[in-house]
Amino acid sequence: ASKTQDSTEQIQDMIQRLQSGSQSALETMQSSLDKSQETQQRVEATREALLAIITATQTINQMNAEIAAAAHEQSEVSADISVRVNEVNEHTGQLAQASSDNKQGCKILNDKTDRLEKLVGQFRL
């Protein structure tokens, strides 16, 4: 009878260890499942953040392209304005020379008019 008692106690001890091991395994699996779900949520949040970064980067690239195009256009307009200002300066110089020539011509014409008046005055009766 004592052997049966010992065997029964050993079996109960084994069952208790199996139950304890099963409970521990169940707790470990539940913890792993919780961590897996948490990791999945973090991966999804990271994916969304990366998509937002990609979208922002694409927007920035588009803005940079627009700024570069506008800067190029402004550069062309500035070059055109510079050419036109140089043309205006050249024409202004030409006008100044023509004005000086006209002034000189007027002086010569006045001198000749004065001389002609003197000559005509000599022939008066």
PDB file of N, CA and C in Angstrom:
ATOM      1  N   ALA A   1       0.821  -1.190   0.000  1.00  0.00           N
ATOM      2  CA  ALA A   1       0.000   0.000   0.000  1.00  0.00           C
ATOM      3  C   ALA A   1       0.861   1.250   0.000  1.00  0.00           C
ATOM      4  N   SER A   2       2.026   1.157   0.656  1.00  0.00           N
ATOM      5  CA  SER A   2       2.875   2.340   0.662  1.00  0.00           C
ATOM      6  C   SER A   2       3.447   2.592  -0.715  1.00  0.00           C
ATOM      7  N   LYS A   3       3.670   1.539  -1.489  1.00  0.00           N
ATOM      8  CA  LYS A   3       4.159   1.727  -2.843  1.00  0.00           C
ATOM      9  C   LYS A   3       3.106   2.395  -3.689  1.00  0.00           C
ATOM     10  N   THR A   4       1.871   2.036  -3.534  1.00  0.00           N
ATOM     11  CA  THR A   4       0.776   2.639  -4.283  1.00  0.00           C
ATOM     12  C   THR A   4       0.654   4.097  -3.902  1.00  0.00           C
ATOM     13  N   GLN A   5       0.798   4.353  -2.604  1.00  0.00           N
ATOM     14  CA  GLN A   5       0.750   5.737  -2.123  1.00  0.00           C
ATOM     15  C   GLN A   5       1.877   6.536  -2.740  1.00  0.00           C
ATOM     16  N   ASP A   6       3.086   5.981  -2.756  1.00  0.00           N
ATOM     17  CA  ASP A   6       4.237   6.683  -3.356  1.00  0.00           C
ATOM     18  C   ASP A   6       4.017   6.912  -4.846  1.00  0.00           C
ATOM     19  N   SER A   7       3.497   5.898  -5.525  1.00  0.00           N
ATOM     20  CA  SER A   7       3.247   6.030  -6.962  1.00  0.00           C
ATOM     21  C   SER A   7       2.188   7.085  -7.219  1.00  0.00           C
ATOM     22  N   THR A   8       1.146   7.099  -6.402  1.00  0.00           N
ATOM     23  CA  THR A   8       0.078   8.086  -6.553  1.00  0.00           C
ATOM     24  C   THR A   8       0.634   9.484  -6.339  1.00  0.00           C
ATOM     25  N   GLU A   9       1.473   9.626  -5.323  1.00  0.00           N
ATOM     26  CA  GLU A   9       2.074  10.938  -5.053  1.00  0.00           C
ATOM     27  C   GLU A   9       2.986  11.370  -6.204  1.00  0.00           C
ATOM     28  N   GLN A  10       3.726  10.403  -6.744  1.00  0.00           N
ATOM     29  CA  GLN A  10       4.595  10.726  -7.880  1.00  0.00           C
ATOM     30  C   GLN A  10       3.767  11.156  -9.097  1.00  0.00           C
ATOM     31  N   ILE A  11       2.667  10.442  -9.331  1.00  0.00           N
ATOM     32  CA  ILE A  11       1.796  10.782 -10.466  1.00  0.00           C
ATOM     33  C   ILE A  11       1.188  12.159 -10.251  1.00  0.00           C
ATOM     34  N   GLN A  12       0.714  12.426  -9.026  1.00  0.00           N
ATOM     35  CA  GLN A  12       0.141  13.742  -8.732  1.00  0.00           C
ATOM     36  C   GLN A  12       1.196  14.839  -8.896  1.00  0.00           C
ATOM     37  N   ASP A  13       2.414  14.522  -8.454  1.00  0.00           N
ATOM     38  CA  ASP A  13       3.506  15.490  -8.600  1.00  0.00           C
ATOM     39  C   ASP A  13       3.791  15.742 -10.079  1.00  0.00           C
ATOM     40  N   MET A  14       3.794  14.703 -10.897  1.00  0.00           N
ATOM     41  CA  MET A  14       4.024  14.859 -12.334  1.00  0.00           C
ATOM     42  C   MET A  14       2.896  15.663 -12.982  1.00  0.00           C
ATOM     43  N   ILE A  15       1.653  15.360 -12.582  1.00  0.00           N
ATOM     44  CA  ILE A  15       0.498  16.092 -13.127  1.00  0.00           C
ATOM     45  C   ILE A  15       0.600  17.560 -12.759  1.00  0.00           C
ATOM     46  N   GLN A  16       0.973  17.817 -11.491  1.00  0.00           N
ATOM     47  CA  GLN A  16       1.099  19.209 -11.043  1.00  0.00           C
ATOM     48  C   GLN A  16       2.201  19.926 -11.826  1.00  0.00           C
ATOM     49  N   ARG A  17       3.329  19.241 -12.055  1.00  0.00           N
ATOM     50  CA  ARG A  17       4.410  19.857 -12.837  1.00  0.00           C
ATOM     51  C   ARG A  17       3.971  20.083 -14.282  1.00  0.00           C
ATOM     52  N   LEU A  18       3.234  19.127 -14.860  1.00  0.00           N
ATOM     53  CA  LEU A  18       2.722  19.291 -16.227  1.00  0.00           C
ATOM     54  C   LEU A  18       1.747  20.466 -16.296  1.00  0.00           C
ATOM     55  N   GLN A  19       0.852  20.555 -15.310  1.00  0.00           N
ATOM     56  CA  GLN A  19      -0.105  21.666 -15.286  1.00  0.00           C
ATOM     57  C   GLN A  19       0.629  23.001 -15.126  1.00  0.00           C
ATOM     58  N   SER A  20       1.629  23.007 -14.243  1.00  0.00           N
ATOM     59  CA  SER A  20       2.406  24.229 -14.027  1.00  0.00           C
ATOM     60  C   SER A  20       3.166  24.598 -15.302  1.00  0.00           C
ATOM     61  N   GLY A  21       3.759  23.602 -15.957  1.00  0.00           N
ATOM     62  CA  GLY A  21       4.476  23.842 -17.217  1.00  0.00           C
ATOM     63  C   GLY A  21       3.530  24.314 -18.305  1.00  0.00           C
ATOM     64  N   SER A  22       2.330  23.708 -18.360  1.00  0.00           N
ATOM     65  CA  SER A  22       1.327  24.115 -19.349  1.00  0.00           C
ATOM     66  C   SER A  22       0.886  25.547 -19.100  1.00  0.00           C
ATOM     67  N   GLN A  23       0.665  25.878 -17.824  1.00  0.00           N
ATOM     68  CA  GLN A  23       0.261  27.246 -17.471  1.00  0.00           C
ATOM     69  C   GLN A  23       1.362  28.233 -17.851  1.00  0.00           C
ATOM     70  N   SER A  24       2.605  27.854 -17.557  1.00  0.00           N
ATOM     71  CA  SER A  24       3.738  28.717 -17.895  1.00  0.00           C
ATOM     72  C   SER A  24       3.849  28.881 -19.415  1.00  0.00           C
ATOM     73  N   ALA A  25       3.664  27.778 -20.145  1.00  0.00           N
ATOM     74  CA  ALA A  25       3.718  27.841 -21.609  1.00  0.00           C
ATOM     75  C   ALA A  25       2.584  28.713 -22.141  1.00  0.00           C
ATOM     76  N   LEU A  26       1.385  28.575 -21.551  1.00  0.00           N
ATOM     77  CA  LEU A  26       0.236  29.386 -21.962  1.00  0.00           C
ATOM     78  C   LEU A  26       0.508  30.862 -21.706  1.00  0.00           C
ATOM     79  N   GLU A  27       1.062  31.183 -20.549  1.00  0.00           N
ATOM     80  CA  GLU A  27       1.384  32.578 -20.224  1.00  0.00           C
ATOM     81  C   GLU A  27       2.447  33.125 -21.178  1.00  0.00           C
ATOM     82  N   THR A  28       3.447  32.305 -21.487  1.00  0.00           N
ATOM     83  CA  THR A  28       4.499  32.719 -22.414  1.00  0.00           C
ATOM     84  C   THR A  28       3.917  32.960 -23.804  1.00  0.00           C
ATOM     85  N   MET A  29       3.035  32.056 -24.253  1.00  0.00           N
ATOM     86  CA  MET A  29       2.406  32.233 -25.572  1.00  0.00           C
ATOM     87  C   MET A  29       1.537  33.485 -25.601  1.00  0.00           C
ATOM     88  N   GLN A  30       0.795  33.734 -24.513  1.00  0.00           N
ATOM     89  CA  GLN A  30      -0.046  34.937 -24.455  1.00  0.00           C
ATOM     90  C   GLN A  30       0.820  36.194 -24.485  1.00  0.00           C
ATOM     91  N   SER A  31       1.927  36.163 -23.738  1.00  0.00           N
ATOM     92  CA  SER A  31       2.852  37.296 -23.729  1.00  0.00           C
ATOM     93  C   SER A  31       3.444  37.505 -25.121  1.00  0.00           C
ATOM     94  N   SER A  32       3.802  36.403 -25.781  1.00  0.00           N
ATOM     95  CA  SER A  32       4.344  36.499 -27.143  1.00  0.00           C
ATOM     96  C   SER A  32       3.306  37.061 -28.102  1.00  0.00           C
ATOM     97  N   LEU A  33       2.050  36.629 -27.957  1.00  0.00           N
ATOM     98  CA  LEU A  33       0.972  37.139 -28.801  1.00  0.00           C
ATOM     99  C   LEU A  33       0.779  38.634 -28.571  1.00  0.00           C
ATOM    100  N   ASP A  34       0.779  39.056 -27.295  1.00  0.00           N
ATOM    101  CA  ASP A  34       0.634  40.482 -26.977  1.00  0.00           C
ATOM    102  C   ASP A  34       1.778  41.295 -27.591  1.00  0.00           C
ATOM    103  N   LYS A  35       3.000  40.778 -27.432  1.00  0.00           N
ATOM    104  CA  LYS A  35       4.161  41.481 -27.985  1.00  0.00           C
ATOM    105  C   LYS A  35       4.102  41.512 -29.512  1.00  0.00           C
ATOM    106  N   SER A  36       3.631  40.420 -30.095  1.00  0.00           N
ATOM    107  CA  SER A  36       3.505  40.357 -31.554  1.00  0.00           C
ATOM    108  C   SER A  36       2.491  41.387 -32.051  1.00  0.00           C
ATOM    109  N   GLN A  37       1.361  41.505 -31.359  1.00  0.00           N
ATOM    110  CA  GLN A  37       0.350  42.496 -31.739  1.00  0.00           C
ATOM    111  C   GLN A  37       0.888  43.918 -31.562  1.00  0.00           C
ATOM    112  N   GLU A  38       1.608  44.137 -30.469  1.00  0.00           N
ATOM    113  CA  GLU A  38       2.206  45.456 -30.227  1.00  0.00           C
ATOM    114  C   GLU A  38       3.230  45.780 -31.320  1.00  0.00           C
ATOM    115  N   THR A  39       4.029  44.782 -31.683  1.00  0.00           N
ATOM    116  CA  THR A  39       5.016  44.976 -32.750  1.00  0.00           C
ATOM    117  C   THR A  39       4.322  45.270 -34.070  1.00  0.00           C
ATOM    118  N   GLN A  40       3.238  44.566 -34.342  1.00  0.00           N
ATOM    119  CA  GLN A  40       2.483  44.799 -35.578  1.00  0.00           C
ATOM    120  C   GLN A  40       1.931  46.229 -35.603  1.00  0.00           C
ATOM    121  N   GLN A  41       1.428  46.709 -34.472  1.00  0.00           N
ATOM    122  CA  GLN A  41       0.924  48.084 -34.400  1.00  0.00           C
ATOM    123  C   GLN A  41       2.055  49.087 -34.634  1.00  0.00           C
ATOM    124  N   ARG A  42       3.211  48.806 -34.050  1.00  0.00           N
ATOM    125  CA  ARG A  42       4.354  49.707 -34.243  1.00  0.00           C
ATOM    126  C   ARG A  42       4.818  49.698 -35.702  1.00  0.00           C
ATOM    127  N   VAL A  43       4.806  48.512 -36.315  1.00  0.00           N
ATOM    128  CA  VAL A  43       5.191  48.413 -37.729  1.00  0.00           C
ATOM    129  C   VAL A  43       4.219  49.227 -38.582  1.00  0.00           C
ATOM    130  N   GLU A  44       2.939  49.137 -38.294  1.00  0.00           N
ATOM    131  CA  GLU A  44       1.932  49.899 -39.049  1.00  0.00           C
ATOM    132  C   GLU A  44       2.122  51.400 -38.845  1.00  0.00           C
ATOM    133  N   ALA A  45       2.379  51.809 -37.611  1.00  0.00           N
ATOM    134  CA  ALA A  45       2.620  53.233 -37.337  1.00  0.00           C
ATOM    135  C   ALA A  45       3.880  53.707 -38.062  1.00  0.00           C
ATOM    136  N   THR A  46       4.907  52.864 -38.067  1.00  0.00           N
ATOM    137  CA  THR A  46       6.146  53.208 -38.778  1.00  0.00           C
ATOM    138  C   THR A  46       5.894  53.305 -40.275  1.00  0.00           C
ATOM    139  N   ARG A  47       5.116  52.382 -40.822  1.00  0.00           N
ATOM    140  CA  ARG A  47       4.778  52.408 -42.248  1.00  0.00           C
ATOM    141  C   ARG A  47       4.049  53.697 -42.598  1.00  0.00           C
ATOM    142  N   GLU A  48       3.086  54.075 -41.767  1.00  0.00           N
ATOM    143  CA  GLU A  48       2.337  55.315 -42.009  1.00  0.00           C
ATOM    144  C   GLU A  48       3.258  56.533 -41.920  1.00  0.00           C
ATOM    145  N   ALA A  49       4.166  56.528 -40.949  1.00  0.00           N
ATOM    146  CA  ALA A  49       5.112  57.645 -40.816  1.00  0.00           C
ATOM    147  C   ALA A  49       6.026  57.722 -42.037  1.00  0.00           C
ATOM    148  N   LEU A  50       6.488  56.568 -42.519  1.00  0.00           N
ATOM    149  CA  LEU A  50       7.349  56.551 -43.708  1.00  0.00           C
ATOM    150  C   LEU A  50       6.589  57.036 -44.942  1.00  0.00           C
ATOM    151  N   LEU A  51       5.329  56.643 -45.064  1.00  0.00           N
ATOM    152  CA  LEU A  51       4.516  57.130 -46.189  1.00  0.00           C
ATOM    153  C   LEU A  51       4.351  58.644 -46.116  1.00  0.00           C
ATOM    154  N   ALA A  52       4.155  59.162 -44.908  1.00  0.00           N
ATOM    155  CA  ALA A  52       4.036  60.619 -44.744  1.00  0.00           C
ATOM    156  C   ALA A  52       5.349  61.302 -45.117  1.00  0.00           C
ATOM    157  N   ILE A  53       6.468  60.702 -44.731  1.00  0.00           N
ATOM    158  CA  ILE A  53       7.780  61.265 -45.078  1.00  0.00           C
ATOM    159  C   ILE A  53       7.982  61.237 -46.589  1.00  0.00           C
ATOM    160  N   ILE A  54       7.612  60.138 -47.230  1.00  0.00           N
ATOM    161  CA  ILE A  54       7.747  60.033 -48.692  1.00  0.00           C
ATOM    162  C   ILE A  54       6.894  61.088 -49.376  1.00  0.00           C
ATOM    163  N   THR A  55       5.653  61.250 -48.909  1.00  0.00           N
ATOM    164  CA  THR A  55       4.763  62.258 -49.496  1.00  0.00           C
ATOM    165  C   THR A  55       5.342  63.653 -49.313  1.00  0.00           C
ATOM    166  N   ALA A  56       5.836  63.944 -48.114  1.00  0.00           N
ATOM    167  CA  ALA A  56       6.431  65.262 -47.849  1.00  0.00           C
ATOM    168  C   ALA A  56       7.668  65.476 -48.719  1.00  0.00           C
ATOM    169  N   THR A  57       8.475  64.439 -48.881  1.00  0.00           N
ATOM    170  CA  THR A  57       9.671  64.541 -49.721  1.00  0.00           C
ATOM    171  C   THR A  57       9.290  64.805 -51.172  1.00  0.00           C
ATOM    172  N   GLN A  58       8.256  64.126 -51.654  1.00  0.00           N
ATOM    173  CA  GLN A  58       7.794  64.357 -53.029  1.00  0.00           C
ATOM    174  C   GLN A  58       7.286  65.786 -53.192  1.00  0.00           C
ATOM    175  N   THR A  59       6.569  66.277 -52.192  1.00  0.00           N
ATOM    176  CA  THR A  59       6.076  67.658 -52.238  1.00  0.00           C
ATOM    177  C   THR A  59       7.243  68.638 -52.264  1.00  0.00           C
ATOM    178  N   ILE A  60       8.236  68.390 -51.427  1.00  0.00           N
ATOM    179  CA  ILE A  60       9.418  69.260 -51.387  1.00  0.00           C
ATOM    180  C   ILE A  60      10.149  69.226 -52.728  1.00  0.00           C
ATOM    181  N   ASN A  61      10.293  68.035 -53.304  1.00  0.00           N
ATOM    182  CA  ASN A  61      10.953  67.920 -54.610  1.00  0.00           C
ATOM    183  C   ASN A  61      10.192  68.694 -55.674  1.00  0.00           C
ATOM    184  N   GLN A  62       8.863  68.602 -55.652  1.00  0.00           N
ATOM    185  CA  GLN A  62       8.043  69.343 -56.618  1.00  0.00           C
ATOM    186  C   GLN A  62       8.229  70.844 -56.425  1.00  0.00           C
ATOM    187  N   MET A  63       8.228  71.289 -55.163  1.00  0.00           N
ATOM    188  CA  MET A  63       8.433  72.715 -54.883  1.00  0.00           C
ATOM    189  C   MET A  63       9.813  73.167 -55.351  1.00  0.00           C
ATOM    190  N   ASN A  64      10.824  72.331 -55.117  1.00  0.00           N
ATOM    191  CA  ASN A  64      12.175  72.672 -55.567  1.00  0.00           C
ATOM    192  C   ASN A  64      12.223  72.814 -57.080  1.00  0.00           C
ATOM    193  N   ALA A  65      11.534  71.918 -57.787  1.00  0.00           N
ATOM    194  CA  ALA A  65      11.504  72.001 -59.253  1.00  0.00           C
ATOM    195  C   ALA A  65      10.816  73.285 -59.696  1.00  0.00           C
ATOM    196  N   GLU A  66       9.717  73.641 -59.029  1.00  0.00           N
ATOM    197  CA  GLU A  66       9.002  74.876 -59.373  1.00  0.00           C
ATOM    198  C   GLU A  66       9.871  76.103 -59.082  1.00  0.00           C
ATOM    199  N   ILE A  67      10.571  76.079 -57.956  1.00  0.00           N
ATOM    200  CA  ILE A  67      11.451  77.202 -57.602  1.00  0.00           C
ATOM    201  C   ILE A  67      12.580  77.322 -58.624  1.00  0.00           C
ATOM    202  N   ALA A  68      13.150  76.184 -59.019  1.00  0.00           N
ATOM    203  CA  ALA A  68      14.236  76.205 -60.007  1.00  0.00           C
ATOM    204  C   ALA A  68      13.733  76.759 -61.333  1.00  0.00           C
ATOM    205  N   ALA A  69      12.524  76.349 -61.743  1.00  0.00           N
ATOM    206  CA  ALA A  69      11.960  76.854 -62.999  1.00  0.00           C
ATOM    207  C   ALA A  69      11.712  78.358 -62.906  1.00  0.00           C
ATOM    208  N   ALA A  70      11.175  78.806 -61.777  1.00  0.00           N
ATOM    209  CA  ALA A  70      10.914  80.240 -61.593  1.00  0.00           C
ATOM    210  C   ALA A  70      12.222  81.025 -61.570  1.00  0.00           C
ATOM    211  N   ALA A  71      13.236  80.482 -60.916  1.00  0.00           N
ATOM    212  CA  ALA A  71      14.535  81.162 -60.866  1.00  0.00           C
ATOM    213  C   ALA A  71      15.141  81.259 -62.266  1.00  0.00           C
ATOM    214  N   HIS A  72      15.003  80.181 -63.045  1.00  0.00           N
ATOM    215  CA  HIS A  72      15.516  80.195 -64.420  1.00  0.00           C
ATOM    216  C   HIS A  72      14.780  81.244 -65.248  1.00  0.00           C
ATOM    217  N   GLU A  73      13.466  81.281 -65.091  1.00  0.00           N
ATOM    218  CA  GLU A  73      12.665  82.269 -65.822  1.00  0.00           C
ATOM    219  C   GLU A  73      13.056  83.686 -65.411  1.00  0.00           C
ATOM    220  N   GLN A  74      13.241  83.911 -64.114  1.00  0.00           N
ATOM    221  CA  GLN A  74      13.653  85.235 -63.641  1.00  0.00           C
ATOM    222  C   GLN A  74      15.029  85.601 -64.183  1.00  0.00           C
ATOM    223  N   SER A  75      15.905  84.620 -64.281  1.00  0.00           N
ATOM    224  CA  SER A  75      17.235  84.863 -64.829  1.00  0.00           C
ATOM    225  C   SER A  75      17.137  85.297 -66.290  1.00  0.00           C
ATOM    226  N   GLU A  76      16.269  84.625 -67.048  1.00  0.00           N
ATOM    227  CA  GLU A  76      16.082  84.996 -68.453  1.00  0.00           C
ATOM    228  C   GLU A  76      15.492  86.395 -68.572  1.00  0.00           C
ATOM    229  N   VAL A  77      14.515  86.705 -67.723  1.00  0.00           N
ATOM    230  CA  VAL A  77      13.898  88.037 -67.750  1.00  0.00           C
ATOM    231  C   VAL A  77      14.936  89.093 -67.376  1.00  0.00           C
ATOM    232  N   SER A  78      15.752  88.808 -66.365  1.00  0.00           N
ATOM    233  CA  SER A  78      16.799  89.758 -65.956  1.00  0.00           C
ATOM    234  C   SER A  78      17.790  89.993 -67.087  1.00  0.00           C
ATOM    235  N   ALA A  79      18.158  88.928 -67.791  1.00  0.00           N
ATOM    236  CA  ALA A  79      19.085  89.070 -68.917  1.00  0.00           C
ATOM    237  C   ALA A  79      18.453  89.918 -70.013  1.00  0.00           C
ATOM    238  N   ASP A  80      17.165  89.695 -70.287  1.00  0.00           N
ATOM    239  CA  ASP A  80      16.457  90.477 -71.303  1.00  0.00           C
ATOM    240  C   ASP A  80      16.391  91.948 -70.893  1.00  0.00           C
ATOM    241  N   ILE A  81      16.105  92.194 -69.619  1.00  0.00           N
ATOM    242  CA  ILE A  81      16.053  93.579 -69.119  1.00  0.00           C
ATOM    243  C   ILE A  81      17.424  94.231 -69.254  1.00  0.00           C
ATOM    244  N   SER A  82      18.470  93.488 -68.943  1.00  0.00           N
ATOM    245  CA  SER A  82      19.828  94.022 -69.052  1.00  0.00           C
ATOM    246  C   SER A  82      20.138  94.416 -70.492  1.00  0.00           C
ATOM    247  N   VAL A  83      19.756  93.565 -71.445  1.00  0.00           N
ATOM    248  CA  VAL A  83      19.974  93.875 -72.864  1.00  0.00           C
ATOM    249  C   VAL A  83      19.218  95.139 -73.239  1.00  0.00           C
ATOM    250  N   ARG A  84      17.968  95.226 -72.796  1.00  0.00           N
ATOM    251  CA  ARG A  84      17.148  96.395 -73.146  1.00  0.00           C
ATOM    252  C   ARG A  84      17.690  97.676 -72.495  1.00  0.00           C
ATOM    253  N   VAL A  85      18.171  97.576 -71.270  1.00  0.00           N
ATOM    254  CA  VAL A  85      18.760  98.751 -70.607  1.00  0.00           C
ATOM    255  C   VAL A  85      19.999  99.203 -71.374  1.00  0.00           C
ATOM    256  N   ASN A  86      20.804  98.249 -71.817  1.00  0.00           N
ATOM    257  CA  ASN A  86      21.983  98.599 -72.619  1.00  0.00           C
ATOM    258  C   ASN A  86      21.578  99.270 -73.929  1.00  0.00           C
ATOM    259  N   GLU A  87      20.502  98.773 -74.549  1.00  0.00           N
ATOM    260  CA  GLU A  87      20.011  99.397 -75.783  1.00  0.00           C
ATOM    261  C   GLU A  87      19.537 100.823 -75.509  1.00  0.00           C
ATOM    262  N   VAL A  88      18.818 101.008 -74.399  1.00  0.00           N
ATOM    263  CA  VAL A  88      18.348 102.353 -74.033  1.00  0.00           C
ATOM    264  C   VAL A  88      19.550 103.272 -73.812  1.00  0.00           C
ATOM    265  N   ASN A  89      20.567 102.768 -73.108  1.00  0.00           N
ATOM    266  CA  ASN A  89      21.778 103.570 -72.888  1.00  0.00           C
ATOM    267  C   ASN A  89      22.428 103.951 -74.212  1.00  0.00           C
ATOM    268  N   GLU A  90      22.494 103.004 -75.128  1.00  0.00           N
ATOM    269  CA  GLU A  90      23.090 103.273 -76.437  1.00  0.00           C
ATOM    270  C   GLU A  90      22.278 104.327 -77.186  1.00  0.00           C
ATOM    271  N   HIS A  91      20.945 104.166 -77.175  1.00  0.00           N
ATOM    272  CA  HIS A  91      20.081 105.142 -77.858  1.00  0.00           C
ATOM    273  C   HIS A  91      20.169 106.514 -77.188  1.00  0.00           C
ATOM    274  N   THR A  92      20.305 106.517 -75.870  1.00  0.00           N
ATOM    275  CA  THR A  92      20.437 107.788 -75.155  1.00  0.00           C
ATOM    276  C   THR A  92      21.714 108.498 -75.588  1.00  0.00           C
ATOM    277  N   GLY A  93      22.782 107.737 -75.728  1.00  0.00           N
ATOM    278  CA  GLY A  93      24.035 108.314 -76.210  1.00  0.00           C
ATOM    279  C   GLY A  93      23.885 108.860 -77.620  1.00  0.00           C
ATOM    280  N   GLN A  94      23.185 108.102 -78.465  1.00  0.00           N
ATOM    281  CA  GLN A  94      22.957 108.556 -79.842  1.00  0.00           C
ATOM    282  C   GLN A  94      22.102 109.822 -79.859  1.00  0.00           C
ATOM    283  N   LEU A  95      21.076 109.856 -79.000  1.00  0.00           N
ATOM    284  CA  LEU A  95      20.220 111.046 -78.921  1.00  0.00           C
ATOM    285  C   LEU A  95      21.006 112.249 -78.409  1.00  0.00           C
ATOM    286  N   ALA A  96      21.875 112.017 -77.443  1.00  0.00           N
ATOM    287  CA  ALA A  96      22.697 113.111 -76.918  1.00  0.00           C
ATOM    288  C   ALA A  96      23.603 113.648 -78.019  1.00  0.00           C
ATOM    289  N   GLN A  97      24.179 112.756 -78.812  1.00  0.00           N
ATOM    290  CA  GLN A  97      25.038 113.182 -79.917  1.00  0.00           C
ATOM    291  C   GLN A  97      24.222 113.938 -80.964  1.00  0.00           C
ATOM    292  N   ALA A  98      23.029 113.418 -81.287  1.00  0.00           N
ATOM    293  CA  ALA A  98      22.168 114.093 -82.267  1.00  0.00           C
ATOM    294  C   ALA A  98      21.754 115.462 -81.750  1.00  0.00           C
ATOM    295  N   SER A  99      21.454 115.543 -80.459  1.00  0.00           N
ATOM    296  CA  SER A  99      21.073 116.823 -79.861  1.00  0.00           C
ATOM    297  C   SER A  99      22.232 117.811 -79.943  1.00  0.00           C
ATOM    298  N   SER A 100      23.432 117.318 -79.656  1.00  0.00           N
ATOM    299  CA  SER A 100      24.617 118.170 -79.750  1.00  0.00           C
ATOM    300  C   SER A 100      24.837 118.620 -81.192  1.00  0.00           C
ATOM    301  N   ASP A 101      24.663 117.689 -82.135  1.00  0.00           N
ATOM    302  CA  ASP A 101      24.802 118.032 -83.555  1.00  0.00           C
ATOM    303  C   ASP A 101      23.751 119.060 -83.957  1.00  0.00           C
ATOM    304  N   ASN A 102      22.507 118.883 -83.484  1.00  0.00           N
ATOM    305  CA  ASN A 102      21.435 119.843 -83.788  1.00  0.00           C
ATOM    306  C   ASN A 102      21.755 121.215 -83.206  1.00  0.00           C
ATOM    307  N   LYS A 103      22.274 121.218 -81.985  1.00  0.00           N
ATOM    308  CA  LYS A 103      22.638 122.487 -81.348  1.00  0.00           C
ATOM    309  C   LYS A 103      23.710 123.190 -82.175  1.00  0.00           C
ATOM    310  N   GLN A 104      24.704 122.417 -82.595  1.00  0.00           N
ATOM    311  CA  GLN A 104      25.782 122.979 -83.415  1.00  0.00           C
ATOM    312  C   GLN A 104      25.219 123.481 -84.746  1.00  0.00           C
ATOM    313  N   GLY A 105      24.304 122.699 -85.341  1.00  0.00           N
ATOM    314  CA  GLY A 105      23.671 123.109 -86.599  1.00  0.00           C
ATOM    315  C   GLY A 105      22.871 124.389 -86.422  1.00  0.00           C
ATOM    316  N   CYS A 106      22.147 124.485 -85.307  1.00  0.00           N
ATOM    317  CA  CYS A 106      21.361 125.698 -85.022  1.00  0.00           C
ATOM    318  C   CYS A 106      22.285 126.899 -84.855  1.00  0.00           C
ATOM    319  N   LYS A 107      23.414 126.707 -84.189  1.00  0.00           N
ATOM    320  CA  LYS A 107      24.364 127.806 -84.002  1.00  0.00           C
ATOM    321  C   LYS A 107      24.898 128.261 -85.357  1.00  0.00           C
ATOM    322  N   ILE A 108      25.259 127.298 -86.201  1.00  0.00           N
ATOM    323  CA  ILE A 108      25.758 127.641 -87.540  1.00  0.00           C
ATOM    324  C   ILE A 108      24.674 128.363 -88.325  1.00  0.00           C
ATOM    325  N   LEU A 109      23.436 127.850 -88.235  1.00  0.00           N
ATOM    326  CA  LEU A 109      22.313 128.468 -88.947  1.00  0.00           C
ATOM    327  C   LEU A 109      22.069 129.883 -88.438  1.00  0.00           C
ATOM    328  N   ASN A 110      22.139 130.087 -87.125  1.00  0.00           N
ATOM    329  CA  ASN A 110      21.979 131.432 -86.553  1.00  0.00           C
ATOM    330  C   ASN A 110      23.078 132.368 -87.053  1.00  0.00           C
ATOM    331  N   ASP A 111      24.308 131.849 -87.053  1.00  0.00           N
ATOM    332  CA  ASP A 111      25.423 132.670 -87.544  1.00  0.00           C
ATOM    333  C   ASP A 111      25.207 133.059 -89.009  1.00  0.00           C
ATOM    334  N   LYS A 112      24.776 132.112 -89.823  1.00  0.00           N
ATOM    335  CA  LYS A 112      24.544 132.394 -91.244  1.00  0.00           C
ATOM    336  C   LYS A 112      23.366 133.351 -91.417  1.00  0.00           C
ATOM    337  N   THR A 113      22.334 133.183 -90.556  1.00  0.00           N
ATOM    338  CA  THR A 113      21.183 134.093 -90.625  1.00  0.00           C
ATOM    339  C   THR A 113      21.627 135.509 -90.286  1.00  0.00           C
ATOM    340  N   ASP A 114      22.425 135.635 -89.227  1.00  0.00           N
ATOM    341  CA  ASP A 114      22.942 136.961 -88.857  1.00  0.00           C
ATOM    342  C   ASP A 114      23.762 137.556 -90.007  1.00  0.00           C
ATOM    343  N   ARG A 115      24.605 136.761 -90.613  1.00  0.00           N
ATOM    344  CA  ARG A 115      25.443 137.236 -91.716  1.00  0.00           C
ATOM    345  C   ARG A 115      24.586 137.653 -92.914  1.00  0.00           C
ATOM    346  N   LEU A 116      23.555 136.813 -93.172  1.00  0.00           N
ATOM    347  CA  LEU A 116      22.655 137.115 -94.289  1.00  0.00           C
ATOM    348  C   LEU A 116      21.902 138.409 -94.033  1.00  0.00           C
ATOM    349  N   GLU A 117      21.456 138.608 -92.786  1.00  0.00           N
ATOM    350  CA  GLU A 117      20.746 139.851 -92.453  1.00  0.00           C
ATOM    351  C   GLU A 117      21.667 141.061 -92.650  1.00  0.00           C
ATOM    352  N   LYS A 118      22.910 140.922 -92.286  1.00  0.00           N
ATOM    353  CA  LYS A 118      23.865 142.023 -92.483  1.00  0.00           C
ATOM    354  C   LYS A 118      24.066 142.304 -93.969  1.00  0.00           C
ATOM    355  N   LEU A 119      24.175 141.219 -94.741  1.00  0.00           N
ATOM    356  CA  LEU A 119      24.357 141.401 -96.181  1.00  0.00           C
ATOM    357  C   LEU A 119      23.128 142.035 -96.820  1.00  0.00           C
ATOM    358  N   VAL A 120      21.952 141.567 -96.404  1.00  0.00           N
ATOM    359  CA  VAL A 120      20.714 142.137 -96.943  1.00  0.00           C
ATOM    360  C   VAL A 120      20.609 143.598 -96.512  1.00  0.00           C
ATOM    361  N   GLY A 121      21.036 143.903 -95.310  1.00  0.00           N
ATOM    362  CA  GLY A 121      20.990 145.276 -94.807  1.00  0.00           C
ATOM    363  C   GLY A 121      21.875 146.209 -95.624  1.00  0.00           C
ATOM    364  N   GLN A 122      22.899 145.728 -96.209  1.00  0.00           N
ATOM    365  CA  GLN A 122      23.785 146.559 -97.018  1.00  0.00           C
ATOM    366  C   GLN A 122      23.132 146.952 -98.338  1.00  0.00           C
ATOM    367  N   PHE A 123      22.163 146.169 -98.800  1.00  0.00           N
ATOM    368  CA  PHE A 123      21.532 146.454-100.081  1.00  0.00           C
ATOM    369  C   PHE A 123      20.264 147.252 -99.921  1.00  0.00           C
ATOM    370  N   ARG A 124      19.939 147.778 -98.849  1.00  0.00           N
ATOM    371  CA  ARG A 124      18.682 148.511 -98.638  1.00  0.00           C
ATOM    372  C   ARG A 124      18.824 149.895 -99.217  1.00  0.00           C
ATOM    373  N   LEU A 125      17.769 150.408 -99.695  1.00  0.00           N
ATOM    374  CA  LEU A 125      17.739 151.739-100.304  1.00  0.00           C
ATOM    375  C   LEU A 125      17.518 152.808 -99.326  1.00  0.00           C
TER     376      LEU A 125
END
